């Protein structure tokens, strides 16, 4: 089993309890594919049963579309597909993450270059 993280736009958490079993999901937004959806693609990820209460409760602390970091396990699923199970969710500090990694910049944007005082 592998562990990974991703930074995405937070949409919500949801939990349903049926008898002794909790079914919990975290929903996040992704870039639309332009073919089957426009605006924002809504994706759901199951939350690991032992982390369901913590991740569900953490969802109350985020604003819609706030950038969050989801830590998840990737387990083997059927037909050679991975099954992602959320373990933890936290806010992303956008100020330090943008200055530390230029890859977070939107495609097509260029970093501003300082003016050359010698040419002015």
PDB file of N, CA and C in Angstrom:
ATOM      1  N   UNK A   1       0.850  -1.175   0.000  1.00  0.00           N
ATOM      2  CA  UNK A   1       0.000   0.000   0.000  1.00  0.00           C
ATOM      3  C   UNK A   1       0.894   1.236   0.000  1.00  0.00           C
ATOM      4  N   UNK A   2       0.542   2.209  -0.808  1.00  0.00           N
ATOM      5  CA  UNK A   2       1.309   3.444  -0.920  1.00  0.00           C
ATOM      6  C   UNK A   2       0.563   4.577  -0.230  1.00  0.00           C
ATOM      7  N   UNK A   3       1.292   5.574   0.207  1.00  0.00           N
ATOM      8  CA  UNK A   3       0.694   6.757   0.816  1.00  0.00           C
ATOM      9  C   UNK A   3       1.072   7.961  -0.040  1.00  0.00           C
ATOM     10  N   UNK A   4       0.119   8.877  -0.218  1.00  0.00           N
ATOM     11  CA  UNK A   4       0.349  10.042  -1.047  1.00  0.00           C
ATOM     12  C   UNK A   4      -0.405  11.241  -0.480  1.00  0.00           C
ATOM     13  N   UNK A   5      -0.110  12.424  -1.018  1.00  0.00           N
ATOM     14  CA  UNK A   5      -0.838  13.643  -0.657  1.00  0.00           C
ATOM     15  C   UNK A   5      -1.163  14.396  -1.936  1.00  0.00           C
ATOM     16  N   UNK A   6      -2.201  15.229  -1.848  1.00  0.00           N
ATOM     17  CA  UNK A   6      -2.532  16.107  -2.965  1.00  0.00           C
ATOM     18  C   UNK A   6      -3.143  17.373  -2.403  1.00  0.00           C
ATOM     19  N   UNK A   7      -2.993  18.448  -3.158  1.00  0.00           N
ATOM     20  CA  UNK A   7      -3.580  19.734  -2.787  1.00  0.00           C
ATOM     21  C   UNK A   7      -4.698  20.035  -3.770  1.00  0.00           C
ATOM     22  N   UNK A   8      -5.905  20.245  -3.209  1.00  0.00           N
ATOM     23  CA  UNK A   8      -7.097  20.422  -4.028  1.00  0.00           C
ATOM     24  C   UNK A   8      -8.028  21.448  -3.391  1.00  0.00           C
ATOM     25  N   UNK A   9      -9.036  21.870  -4.148  1.00  0.00           N
ATOM     26  CA  UNK A   9     -10.057  22.786  -3.645  1.00  0.00           C
ATOM     27  C   UNK A   9     -11.087  21.994  -2.846  1.00  0.00           C
ATOM     28  N   UNK A  10     -11.281  22.352  -1.571  1.00  0.00           N
ATOM     29  CA  UNK A  10     -12.205  21.651  -0.679  1.00  0.00           C
ATOM     30  C   UNK A  10     -13.648  21.977  -1.030  1.00  0.00           C
ATOM     31  N   UNK A  11     -14.492  20.940  -1.074  1.00  0.00           N
ATOM     32  CA  UNK A  11     -15.922  21.134  -1.297  1.00  0.00           C
ATOM     33  C   UNK A  11     -16.747  20.706  -0.096  1.00  0.00           C
ATOM     34  N   UNK A  12     -16.387  19.610   0.566  1.00  0.00           N
ATOM     35  CA  UNK A  12     -17.160  19.190   1.730  1.00  0.00           C
ATOM     36  C   UNK A  12     -16.799  17.799   2.203  1.00  0.00           C
ATOM     37  N   UNK A  13     -17.319  17.456   3.395  1.00  0.00           N
ATOM     38  CA  UNK A  13     -17.211  16.098   3.914  1.00  0.00           C
ATOM     39  C   UNK A  13     -18.625  15.604   4.186  1.00  0.00           C
ATOM     40  N   UNK A  14     -18.795  14.302   4.148  1.00  0.00           N
ATOM     41  CA  UNK A  14     -20.118  13.716   4.344  1.00  0.00           C
ATOM     42  C   UNK A  14     -19.950  12.397   5.089  1.00  0.00           C
ATOM     43  N   UNK A  15     -20.850  12.143   6.065  1.00  0.00           N
ATOM     44  CA  UNK A  15     -20.802  10.872   6.777  1.00  0.00           C
ATOM     45  C   UNK A  15     -22.218  10.355   6.981  1.00  0.00           C
ATOM     46  N   UNK A  16     -22.369   9.062   6.741  1.00  0.00           N
ATOM     47  CA  UNK A  16     -23.632   8.373   6.963  1.00  0.00           C
ATOM     48  C   UNK A  16     -23.313   7.133   7.784  1.00  0.00           C
ATOM     49  N   UNK A  17     -24.104   6.884   8.816  1.00  0.00           N
ATOM     50  CA  UNK A  17     -23.896   5.685   9.609  1.00  0.00           C
ATOM     51  C   UNK A  17     -25.085   4.759   9.410  1.00  0.00           C
ATOM     52  N   UNK A  18     -24.797   3.521   9.020  1.00  0.00           N
ATOM     53  CA  UNK A  18     -25.813   2.496   8.849  1.00  0.00           C
ATOM     54  C   UNK A  18     -25.449   1.371   9.807  1.00  0.00           C
ATOM     55  N   UNK A  19     -26.292   1.217  10.835  1.00  0.00           N
ATOM     56  CA  UNK A  19     -26.040   0.265  11.912  1.00  0.00           C
ATOM     57  C   UNK A  19     -24.669   0.545  12.517  1.00  0.00           C
ATOM     58  N   UNK A  20     -23.714  -0.362  12.433  1.00  0.00           N
ATOM     59  CA  UNK A  20     -22.400  -0.148  13.050  1.00  0.00           C
ATOM     60  C   UNK A  20     -21.333   0.282  12.054  1.00  0.00           C
ATOM     61  N   UNK A  21     -21.728   0.581  10.833  1.00  0.00           N
ATOM     62  CA  UNK A  21     -20.761   0.930   9.798  1.00  0.00           C
ATOM     63  C   UNK A  21     -20.883   2.401   9.422  1.00  0.00           C
ATOM     64  N   UNK A  22     -19.729   3.098   9.373  1.00  0.00           N
ATOM     65  CA  UNK A  22     -19.689   4.500   8.950  1.00  0.00           C
ATOM     66  C   UNK A  22     -19.236   4.562   7.502  1.00  0.00           C
ATOM     67  N   UNK A  23     -19.968   5.333   6.718  1.00  0.00           N
ATOM     68  CA  UNK A  23     -19.586   5.598   5.330  1.00  0.00           C
ATOM     69  C   UNK A  23     -19.268   7.079   5.254  1.00  0.00           C
ATOM     70  N   UNK A  24     -18.022   7.413   4.999  1.00  0.00           N
ATOM     71  CA  UNK A  24     -17.609   8.812   4.993  1.00  0.00           C
ATOM     72  C   UNK A  24     -16.855   9.122   3.710  1.00  0.00           C
ATOM     73  N   UNK A  25     -17.054  10.352   3.219  1.00  0.00           N
ATOM     74  CA  UNK A  25     -16.379  10.802   1.998  1.00  0.00           C
ATOM     75  C   UNK A  25     -15.932  12.240   2.173  1.00  0.00           C
ATOM     76  N   UNK A  26     -14.873  12.576   1.461  1.00  0.00           N
ATOM     77  CA  UNK A  26     -14.447  13.961   1.312  1.00  0.00           C
ATOM     78  C   UNK A  26     -14.618  14.292  -0.163  1.00  0.00           C
ATOM     79  N   UNK A  27     -15.157  15.482  -0.436  1.00  0.00           N
ATOM     80  CA  UNK A  27     -15.376  15.916  -1.815  1.00  0.00           C
ATOM     81  C   UNK A  27     -14.447  17.076  -2.118  1.00  0.00           C
ATOM     82  N   UNK A  28     -13.868  17.054  -3.310  1.00  0.00           N
ATOM     83  CA  UNK A  28     -12.973  18.130  -3.721  1.00  0.00           C
ATOM     84  C   UNK A  28     -13.184  18.431  -5.185  1.00  0.00           C
ATOM     85  N   UNK A  29     -12.723  19.616  -5.587  1.00  0.00           N
ATOM     86  CA  UNK A  29     -12.878  20.053  -6.962  1.00  0.00           C
ATOM     87  C   UNK A  29     -11.587  19.896  -7.738  1.00  0.00           C
ATOM     88  N   UNK A  30     -11.756  19.653  -9.012  1.00  0.00           N
ATOM     89  CA  UNK A  30     -10.616  19.505  -9.899  1.00  0.00           C
ATOM     90  C   UNK A  30     -10.937  20.235 -11.200  1.00  0.00           C
ATOM     91  N   UNK A  31      -9.937  20.431 -12.028  1.00  0.00           N
ATOM     92  CA  UNK A  31     -10.148  21.089 -13.313  1.00  0.00           C
ATOM     93  C   UNK A  31     -11.142  20.279 -14.139  1.00  0.00           C
ATOM     94  N   UNK A  32     -12.112  20.935 -14.785  1.00  0.00           N
ATOM     95  CA  UNK A  32     -13.062  20.200 -15.624  1.00  0.00           C
ATOM     96  C   UNK A  32     -12.367  19.665 -16.873  1.00  0.00           C
ATOM     97  N   UNK A  33     -12.924  18.589 -17.418  1.00  0.00           N
ATOM     98  CA  UNK A  33     -12.316  18.029 -18.628  1.00  0.00           C
ATOM     99  C   UNK A  33     -12.775  18.739 -19.896  1.00  0.00           C
ATOM    100  N   UNK A  34     -13.802  19.616 -19.797  1.00  0.00           N
ATOM    101  CA  UNK A  34     -14.277  20.359 -20.951  1.00  0.00           C
ATOM    102  C   UNK A  34     -15.152  19.549 -21.883  1.00  0.00           C
ATOM    103  N   UNK A  35     -15.347  18.269 -21.593  1.00  0.00           N
ATOM    104  CA  UNK A  35     -16.178  17.410 -22.438  1.00  0.00           C
ATOM    105  C   UNK A  35     -17.444  16.984 -21.696  1.00  0.00           C
ATOM    106  N   UNK A  36     -17.262  16.498 -20.485  1.00  0.00           N
ATOM    107  CA  UNK A  36     -18.423  16.025 -19.718  1.00  0.00           C
ATOM    108  C   UNK A  36     -18.812  16.971 -18.597  1.00  0.00           C
ATOM    109  N   UNK A  37     -17.956  17.963 -18.292  1.00  0.00           N
ATOM    110  CA  UNK A  37     -18.289  18.934 -17.254  1.00  0.00           C
ATOM    111  C   UNK A  37     -17.590  20.254 -17.541  1.00  0.00           C
ATOM    112  N   UNK A  38     -18.186  21.321 -17.036  1.00  0.00           N
ATOM    113  CA  UNK A  38     -17.628  22.664 -17.155  1.00  0.00           C
ATOM    114  C   UNK A  38     -17.664  23.308 -15.779  1.00  0.00           C
ATOM    115  N   UNK A  39     -16.742  24.196 -15.512  1.00  0.00           N
ATOM    116  CA  UNK A  39     -16.715  24.903 -14.229  1.00  0.00           C
ATOM    117  C   UNK A  39     -15.815  24.231 -13.232  1.00  0.00           C
ATOM    118  N   UNK A  40     -16.259  23.133 -12.668  1.00  0.00           N
ATOM    119  CA  UNK A  40     -15.473  22.428 -11.660  1.00  0.00           C
ATOM    120  C   UNK A  40     -15.882  20.967 -11.662  1.00  0.00           C
ATOM    121  N   UNK A  41     -14.930  20.084 -11.701  1.00  0.00           N
ATOM    122  CA  UNK A  41     -15.208  18.661 -11.627  1.00  0.00           C
ATOM    123  C   UNK A  41     -15.294  18.278 -10.155  1.00  0.00           C
ATOM    124  N   UNK A  42     -16.384  17.637  -9.742  1.00  0.00           N
ATOM    125  CA  UNK A  42     -16.572  17.245  -8.347  1.00  0.00           C
ATOM    126  C   UNK A  42     -16.160  15.791  -8.197  1.00  0.00           C
ATOM    127  N   UNK A  43     -15.204  15.550  -7.293  1.00  0.00           N
ATOM    128  CA  UNK A  43     -14.671  14.211  -7.080  1.00  0.00           C
ATOM    129  C   UNK A  43     -14.829  13.848  -5.612  1.00  0.00           C
ATOM    130  N   UNK A  44     -15.251  12.620  -5.361  1.00  0.00           N
ATOM    131  CA  UNK A  44     -15.384  12.128  -3.997  1.00  0.00           C
ATOM    132  C   UNK A  44     -14.346  11.065  -3.709  1.00  0.00           C
ATOM    133  N   UNK A  45     -13.853  11.051  -2.470  1.00  0.00           N
ATOM    134  CA  UNK A  45     -12.893  10.035  -2.049  1.00  0.00           C
ATOM    135  C   UNK A  45     -13.392   9.461  -0.725  1.00  0.00           C
ATOM    136  N   UNK A  46     -13.431   8.142  -0.632  1.00  0.00           N
ATOM    137  CA  UNK A  46     -13.828   7.509   0.622  1.00  0.00           C
ATOM    138  C   UNK A  46     -12.802   7.843   1.702  1.00  0.00           C
ATOM    139  N   UNK A  47     -13.281   7.935   2.932  1.00  0.00           N
ATOM    140  CA  UNK A  47     -12.403   8.178   4.080  1.00  0.00           C
ATOM    141  C   UNK A  47     -12.212   6.839   4.792  1.00  0.00           C
ATOM    142  N   UNK A  48     -10.966   6.536   5.171  1.00  0.00           N
ATOM    143  CA  UNK A  48     -10.683   5.298   5.895  1.00  0.00           C
ATOM    144  C   UNK A  48     -11.543   5.249   7.153  1.00  0.00           C
ATOM    145  N   UNK A  49     -12.081   4.086   7.469  1.00  0.00           N
ATOM    146  CA  UNK A  49     -13.016   3.954   8.590  1.00  0.00           C
ATOM    147  C   UNK A  49     -12.420   4.439   9.904  1.00  0.00           C
ATOM    148  N   UNK A  50     -11.145   4.136  10.163  1.00  0.00           N
ATOM    149  CA  UNK A  50     -10.539   4.558  11.430  1.00  0.00           C
ATOM    150  C   UNK A  50     -10.235   6.052  11.476  1.00  0.00           C
ATOM    151  N   UNK A  51     -10.314   6.756  10.346  1.00  0.00           N
ATOM    152  CA  UNK A  51     -10.080   8.203  10.310  1.00  0.00           C
ATOM    153  C   UNK A  51     -11.358   8.990  10.031  1.00  0.00           C
ATOM    154  N   UNK A  52     -12.490   8.305   9.919  1.00  0.00           N
ATOM    155  CA  UNK A  52     -13.743   8.943   9.495  1.00  0.00           C
ATOM    156  C   UNK A  52     -14.158  10.104  10.397  1.00  0.00           C
ATOM    157  N   UNK A  53     -14.147   9.909  11.701  1.00  0.00           N
ATOM    158  CA  UNK A  53     -14.575  10.974  12.614  1.00  0.00           C
ATOM    159  C   UNK A  53     -13.675  12.199  12.510  1.00  0.00           C
ATOM    160  N   UNK A  54     -12.366  11.976  12.479  1.00  0.00           N
ATOM    161  CA  UNK A  54     -11.400  13.085  12.431  1.00  0.00           C
ATOM    162  C   UNK A  54     -11.521  13.882  11.126  1.00  0.00           C
ATOM    163  N   UNK A  55     -11.548  13.193   9.997  1.00  0.00           N
ATOM    164  CA  UNK A  55     -11.596  13.885   8.706  1.00  0.00           C
ATOM    165  C   UNK A  55     -12.946  14.570   8.522  1.00  0.00           C
ATOM    166  N   UNK A  56     -14.026  13.909   8.919  1.00  0.00           N
ATOM    167  CA  UNK A  56     -15.347  14.524   8.815  1.00  0.00           C
ATOM    168  C   UNK A  56     -15.412  15.802   9.649  1.00  0.00           C
ATOM    169  N   UNK A  57     -14.944  15.757  10.886  1.00  0.00           N
ATOM    170  CA  UNK A  57     -14.963  16.931  11.761  1.00  0.00           C
ATOM    171  C   UNK A  57     -14.077  18.048  11.218  1.00  0.00           C
ATOM    172  N   UNK A  58     -12.940  17.702  10.635  1.00  0.00           N
ATOM    173  CA  UNK A  58     -12.032  18.713  10.083  1.00  0.00           C
ATOM    174  C   UNK A  58     -12.703  19.490   8.963  1.00  0.00           C
ATOM    175  N   UNK A  59     -13.628  18.852   8.249  1.00  0.00           N
ATOM    176  CA  UNK A  59     -14.324  19.524   7.152  1.00  0.00           C
ATOM    177  C   UNK A  59     -15.084  20.760   7.587  1.00  0.00           C
ATOM    178  N   UNK A  60     -15.473  20.836   8.852  1.00  0.00           N
ATOM    179  CA  UNK A  60     -16.198  22.004   9.361  1.00  0.00           C
ATOM    180  C   UNK A  60     -15.304  23.240   9.461  1.00  0.00           C
ATOM    181  N   UNK A  61     -13.991  23.063   9.359  1.00  0.00           N
ATOM    182  CA  UNK A  61     -13.044  24.169   9.524  1.00  0.00           C
ATOM    183  C   UNK A  61     -12.622  24.835   8.220  1.00  0.00           C
ATOM    184  N   UNK A  62     -13.133  24.369   7.085  1.00  0.00           N
ATOM    185  CA  UNK A  62     -12.701  24.894   5.793  1.00  0.00           C
ATOM    186  C   UNK A  62     -13.832  25.603   5.073  1.00  0.00           C
ATOM    187  N   UNK A  63     -13.468  26.616   4.321  1.00  0.00           N
ATOM    188  CA  UNK A  63     -14.413  27.339   3.472  1.00  0.00           C
ATOM    189  C   UNK A  63     -14.527  26.610   2.132  1.00  0.00           C
ATOM    190  N   UNK A  64     -15.665  26.723   1.459  1.00  0.00           N
ATOM    191  CA  UNK A  64     -15.758  26.132   0.123  1.00  0.00           C
ATOM    192  C   UNK A  64     -14.664  26.672  -0.795  1.00  0.00           C
ATOM    193  N   UNK A  65     -14.041  25.797  -1.530  1.00  0.00           N
ATOM    194  CA  UNK A  65     -12.964  26.067  -2.488  1.00  0.00           C
ATOM    195  C   UNK A  65     -11.627  26.426  -1.839  1.00  0.00           C
ATOM    196  N   UNK A  66     -11.539  26.343  -0.503  1.00  0.00           N
ATOM    197  CA  UNK A  66     -10.263  26.580   0.181  1.00  0.00           C
ATOM    198  C   UNK A  66      -9.296  25.478  -0.232  1.00  0.00           C
ATOM    199  N   UNK A  67      -8.033  25.830  -0.425  1.00  0.00           N
ATOM    200  CA  UNK A  67      -7.021  24.851  -0.803  1.00  0.00           C
ATOM    201  C   UNK A  67      -6.668  24.002   0.416  1.00  0.00           C
ATOM    202  N   UNK A  68      -6.815  22.677   0.280  1.00  0.00           N
ATOM    203  CA  UNK A  68      -6.502  21.754   1.365  1.00  0.00           C
ATOM    204  C   UNK A  68      -5.543  20.686   0.874  1.00  0.00           C
ATOM    205  N   UNK A  69      -4.861  20.063   1.829  1.00  0.00           N
ATOM    206  CA  UNK A  69      -3.955  18.951   1.530  1.00  0.00           C
ATOM    207  C   UNK A  69      -4.597  17.688   2.105  1.00  0.00           C
ATOM    208  N   UNK A  70      -4.826  16.710   1.246  1.00  0.00           N
ATOM    209  CA  UNK A  70      -5.405  15.438   1.668  1.00  0.00           C
ATOM    210  C   UNK A  70      -4.310  14.382   1.636  1.00  0.00           C
ATOM    211  N   UNK A  71      -4.132  13.697   2.766  1.00  0.00           N
ATOM    212  CA  UNK A  71      -3.220  12.561   2.835  1.00  0.00           C
ATOM    213  C   UNK A  71      -4.068  11.313   2.694  1.00  0.00           C
ATOM    214  N   UNK A  72      -3.657  10.405   1.829  1.00  0.00           N
ATOM    215  CA  UNK A  72      -4.462   9.220   1.577  1.00  0.00           C
ATOM    216  C   UNK A  72      -3.601   7.997   1.284  1.00  0.00           C
ATOM    217  N   UNK A  73      -4.173   6.839   1.553  1.00  0.00           N
ATOM    218  CA  UNK A  73      -3.543   5.579   1.197  1.00  0.00           C
ATOM    219  C   UNK A  73      -4.110   5.119  -0.136  1.00  0.00           C
ATOM    220  N   UNK A  74      -3.251   4.521  -0.931  1.00  0.00           N
ATOM    221  CA  UNK A  74      -3.683   3.945  -2.200  1.00  0.00           C
ATOM    222  C   UNK A  74      -3.566   2.432  -2.043  1.00  0.00           C
ATOM    223  N   UNK A  75      -4.723   1.784  -1.950  1.00  0.00           N
ATOM    224  CA  UNK A  75      -4.758   0.336  -1.801  1.00  0.00           C
ATOM    225  C   UNK A  75      -5.106  -0.284  -3.150  1.00  0.00           C
ATOM    226  N   UNK A  76      -4.813  -1.535  -3.297  1.00  0.00           N
ATOM    227  CA  UNK A  76      -5.182  -2.219  -4.540  1.00  0.00           C
ATOM    228  C   UNK A  76      -6.693  -2.400  -4.582  1.00  0.00           C
ATOM    229  N   UNK A  77      -7.260  -2.032  -5.711  1.00  0.00           N
ATOM    230  CA  UNK A  77      -8.683  -2.244  -5.936  1.00  0.00           C
ATOM    231  C   UNK A  77      -8.866  -3.309  -7.001  1.00  0.00           C
ATOM    232  N   UNK A  78     -10.081  -3.472  -7.464  1.00  0.00           N
ATOM    233  CA  UNK A  78     -10.349  -4.452  -8.515  1.00  0.00           C
ATOM    234  C   UNK A  78      -9.862  -3.970  -9.862  1.00  0.00           C
ATOM    235  N   UNK A  79      -9.640  -4.890 -10.772  1.00  0.00           N
ATOM    236  CA  UNK A  79      -9.241  -4.611 -12.153  1.00  0.00           C
ATOM    237  C   UNK A  79      -7.990  -3.735 -12.250  1.00  0.00           C
ATOM    238  N   UNK A  80      -7.006  -3.983 -11.405  1.00  0.00           N
ATOM    239  CA  UNK A  80      -5.725  -3.263 -11.397  1.00  0.00           C
ATOM    240  C   UNK A  80      -5.877  -1.763 -11.191  1.00  0.00           C
ATOM    241  N   UNK A  81      -6.899  -1.356 -10.466  1.00  0.00           N
ATOM    242  CA  UNK A  81      -7.093   0.061 -10.163  1.00  0.00           C
ATOM    243  C   UNK A  81      -6.754   0.305  -8.704  1.00  0.00           C
ATOM    244  N   UNK A  82      -6.308   1.516  -8.404  1.00  0.00           N
ATOM    245  CA  UNK A  82      -6.048   1.898  -7.027  1.00  0.00           C
ATOM    246  C   UNK A  82      -7.320   2.369  -6.352  1.00  0.00           C
ATOM    247  N   UNK A  83      -7.407   2.158  -5.056  1.00  0.00           N
ATOM    248  CA  UNK A  83      -8.542   2.620  -4.269  1.00  0.00           C
ATOM    249  C   UNK A  83      -7.993   3.600  -3.243  1.00  0.00           C
ATOM    250  N   UNK A  84      -8.364   4.879  -3.379  1.00  0.00           N
ATOM    251  CA  UNK A  84      -7.859   5.912  -2.479  1.00  0.00           C
ATOM    252  C   UNK A  84      -8.724   6.003  -1.238  1.00  0.00           C
ATOM    253  N   UNK A  85      -8.085   6.034  -0.061  1.00  0.00           N
ATOM    254  CA  UNK A  85      -8.778   6.185   1.207  1.00  0.00           C
ATOM    255  C   UNK A  85      -8.150   7.345   1.973  1.00  0.00           C
ATOM    256  N   UNK A  86      -8.932   8.418   2.178  1.00  0.00           N
ATOM    257  CA  UNK A  86      -8.428   9.606   2.868  1.00  0.00           C
ATOM    258  C   UNK A  86      -8.116   9.275   4.328  1.00  0.00           C
ATOM    259  N   UNK A  87      -7.003   9.818   4.818  1.00  0.00           N
ATOM    260  CA  UNK A  87      -6.570   9.606   6.201  1.00  0.00           C
ATOM    261  C   UNK A  87      -6.544  10.896   7.005  1.00  0.00           C
ATOM    262  N   UNK A  88      -6.254  12.015   6.329  1.00  0.00           N
ATOM    263  CA  UNK A  88      -6.072  13.290   7.022  1.00  0.00           C
ATOM    264  C   UNK A  88      -6.326  14.427   6.035  1.00  0.00           C
ATOM    265  N   UNK A  89      -6.827  15.543   6.565  1.00  0.00           N
ATOM    266  CA  UNK A  89      -7.035  16.723   5.733  1.00  0.00           C
ATOM    267  C   UNK A  89      -6.605  17.950   6.529  1.00  0.00           C
ATOM    268  N   UNK A  90      -5.905  18.862   5.856  1.00  0.00           N
ATOM    269  CA  UNK A  90      -5.435  20.078   6.520  1.00  0.00           C
ATOM    270  C   UNK A  90      -5.399  21.226   5.527  1.00  0.00           C
ATOM    271  N   UNK A  91      -5.461  22.440   6.060  1.00  0.00           N
ATOM    272  CA  UNK A  91      -5.398  23.630   5.213  1.00  0.00           C
ATOM    273  C   UNK A  91      -3.992  23.774   4.646  1.00  0.00           C
ATOM    274  N   UNK A  92      -3.909  24.317   3.441  1.00  0.00           N
ATOM    275  CA  UNK A  92      -2.623  24.605   2.815  1.00  0.00           C
ATOM    276  C   UNK A  92      -2.328  26.074   3.034  1.00  0.00           C
ATOM    277  N   UNK A  93      -1.129  26.361   3.507  1.00  0.00           N
ATOM    278  CA  UNK A  93      -0.700  27.746   3.662  1.00  0.00           C
ATOM    279  C   UNK A  93      -0.265  28.233   2.291  1.00  0.00           C
ATOM    280  N   UNK A  94      -1.169  28.925   1.581  1.00  0.00           N
ATOM    281  CA  UNK A  94      -0.897  29.311   0.196  1.00  0.00           C
ATOM    282  C   UNK A  94       0.236  30.305   0.068  1.00  0.00           C
ATOM    283  N   UNK A  95       0.457  31.134   1.081  1.00  0.00           N
ATOM    284  CA  UNK A  95       1.543  32.129   0.986  1.00  0.00           C
ATOM    285  C   UNK A  95       2.894  31.448   0.922  1.00  0.00           C
ATOM    286  N   UNK A  96       3.156  30.517   1.838  1.00  0.00           N
ATOM    287  CA  UNK A  96       4.470  29.876   1.838  1.00  0.00           C
ATOM    288  C   UNK A  96       4.585  28.844   0.727  1.00  0.00           C
ATOM    289  N   UNK A  97       3.479  28.191   0.350  1.00  0.00           N
ATOM    290  CA  UNK A  97       3.575  27.177  -0.700  1.00  0.00           C
ATOM    291  C   UNK A  97       3.815  27.819  -2.062  1.00  0.00           C
ATOM    292  N   UNK A  98       3.251  28.984  -2.323  1.00  0.00           N
ATOM    293  CA  UNK A  98       3.482  29.644  -3.623  1.00  0.00           C
ATOM    294  C   UNK A  98       4.897  30.173  -3.732  1.00  0.00           C
ATOM    295  N   UNK A  99       5.417  30.742  -2.661  1.00  0.00           N
ATOM    296  CA  UNK A  99       6.767  31.292  -2.756  1.00  0.00           C
ATOM    297  C   UNK A  99       7.813  30.183  -2.753  1.00  0.00           C
ATOM    298  N   UNK A 100       7.497  29.055  -2.151  1.00  0.00           N
ATOM    299  CA  UNK A 100       8.469  27.974  -2.087  1.00  0.00           C
ATOM    300  C   UNK A 100       8.499  27.142  -3.359  1.00  0.00           C
ATOM    301  N   UNK A 101       7.360  27.017  -4.052  1.00  0.00           N
ATOM    302  CA  UNK A 101       7.347  26.165  -5.239  1.00  0.00           C
ATOM    303  C   UNK A 101       6.653  26.851  -6.403  1.00  0.00           C
ATOM    304  N   UNK A 102       7.406  27.248  -7.405  1.00  0.00           N
ATOM    305  CA  UNK A 102       6.806  27.920  -8.551  1.00  0.00           C
ATOM    306  C   UNK A 102       5.890  27.017  -9.368  1.00  0.00           C
ATOM    307  N   UNK A 103       5.893  25.682  -9.149  1.00  0.00           N
ATOM    308  CA  UNK A 103       5.031  24.779  -9.895  1.00  0.00           C
ATOM    309  C   UNK A 103       3.560  25.000  -9.579  1.00  0.00           C
ATOM    310  N   UNK A 104       3.237  25.656  -8.452  1.00  0.00           N
ATOM    311  CA  UNK A 104       1.839  25.861  -8.086  1.00  0.00           C
ATOM    312  C   UNK A 104       1.201  26.955  -8.909  1.00  0.00           C
ATOM    313  N   UNK A 105       1.967  27.598  -9.763  1.00  0.00           N
ATOM    314  CA  UNK A 105       1.469  28.663 -10.603  1.00  0.00           C
ATOM    315  C   UNK A 105       0.545  28.104 -11.682  1.00  0.00           C
ATOM    316  N   UNK A 106      -0.490  28.825 -12.008  1.00  0.00           N
ATOM    317  CA  UNK A 106      -1.418  28.385 -13.050  1.00  0.00           C
ATOM    318  C   UNK A 106      -0.706  28.375 -14.395  1.00  0.00           C
ATOM    319  N   UNK A 107      -1.084  27.428 -15.269  1.00  0.00           N
ATOM    320  CA  UNK A 107      -0.447  27.383 -16.582  1.00  0.00           C
ATOM    321  C   UNK A 107      -0.670  28.687 -17.338  1.00  0.00           C
ATOM    322  N   UNK A 108       0.344  29.114 -18.050  1.00  0.00           N
ATOM    323  CA  UNK A 108       0.222  30.334 -18.834  1.00  0.00           C
ATOM    324  C   UNK A 108       0.641  31.593 -18.075  1.00  0.00           C
ATOM    325  N   UNK A 109       0.761  31.502 -16.750  1.00  0.00           N
ATOM    326  CA  UNK A 109       1.189  32.668 -15.984  1.00  0.00           C
ATOM    327  C   UNK A 109       2.711  32.690 -15.950  1.00  0.00           C
ATOM    328  N   UNK A 110       3.253  33.883 -15.996  1.00  0.00           N
ATOM    329  CA  UNK A 110       4.697  34.021 -15.881  1.00  0.00           C
ATOM    330  C   UNK A 110       5.005  34.811 -14.625  1.00  0.00           C
ATOM    331  N   UNK A 111       6.112  34.456 -13.986  1.00  0.00           N
ATOM    332  CA  UNK A 111       6.512  35.201 -12.815  1.00  0.00           C
ATOM    333  C   UNK A 111       6.967  36.586 -13.243  1.00  0.00           C
ATOM    334  N   UNK A 112       6.611  37.575 -12.435  1.00  0.00           N
ATOM    335  CA  UNK A 112       7.032  38.944 -12.733  1.00  0.00           C
ATOM    336  C   UNK A 112       8.540  39.060 -12.545  1.00  0.00           C
ATOM    337  N   UNK A 113       9.174  39.711 -13.517  1.00  0.00           N
ATOM    338  CA  UNK A 113      10.612  39.909 -13.414  1.00  0.00           C
ATOM    339  C   UNK A 113      10.867  41.303 -12.872  1.00  0.00           C
ATOM    340  N   UNK A 114      11.830  41.441 -11.957  1.00  0.00           N
ATOM    341  CA  UNK A 114      12.125  42.760 -11.418  1.00  0.00           C
ATOM    342  C   UNK A 114      12.673  43.669 -12.538  1.00  0.00           C
ATOM    343  N   UNK A 115      12.308  44.921 -12.469  1.00  0.00           N
ATOM    344  CA  UNK A 115      12.797  45.892 -13.464  1.00  0.00           C
ATOM    345  C   UNK A 115      14.308  46.061 -13.289  1.00  0.00           C
ATOM    346  N   UNK A 116      14.986  46.211 -14.404  1.00  0.00           N
ATOM    347  CA  UNK A 116      16.430  46.410 -14.363  1.00  0.00           C
ATOM    348  C   UNK A 116      16.679  47.910 -14.183  1.00  0.00           C
ATOM    349  N   UNK A 117      17.181  48.342 -13.011  1.00  0.00           N
ATOM    350  CA  UNK A 117      17.379  49.773 -12.777  1.00  0.00           C
ATOM    351  C   UNK A 117      18.426  50.380 -13.709  1.00  0.00           C
ATOM    352  N   UNK A 118      19.336  49.582 -14.253  1.00  0.00           N
ATOM    353  CA  UNK A 118      20.363  50.120 -15.134  1.00  0.00           C
ATOM    354  C   UNK A 118      19.770  50.586 -16.459  1.00  0.00           C
ATOM    355  N   UNK A 119      18.674  49.979 -16.910  1.00  0.00           N
ATOM    356  CA  UNK A 119      18.065  50.340 -18.180  1.00  0.00           C
ATOM    357  C   UNK A 119      17.051  51.468 -18.017  1.00  0.00           C
ATOM    358  N   UNK A 120      16.693  51.823 -16.813  1.00  0.00           N
ATOM    359  CA  UNK A 120      15.671  52.857 -16.602  1.00  0.00           C
ATOM    360  C   UNK A 120      16.209  54.256 -16.752  1.00  0.00           C
TER     361      UNK A 120
END
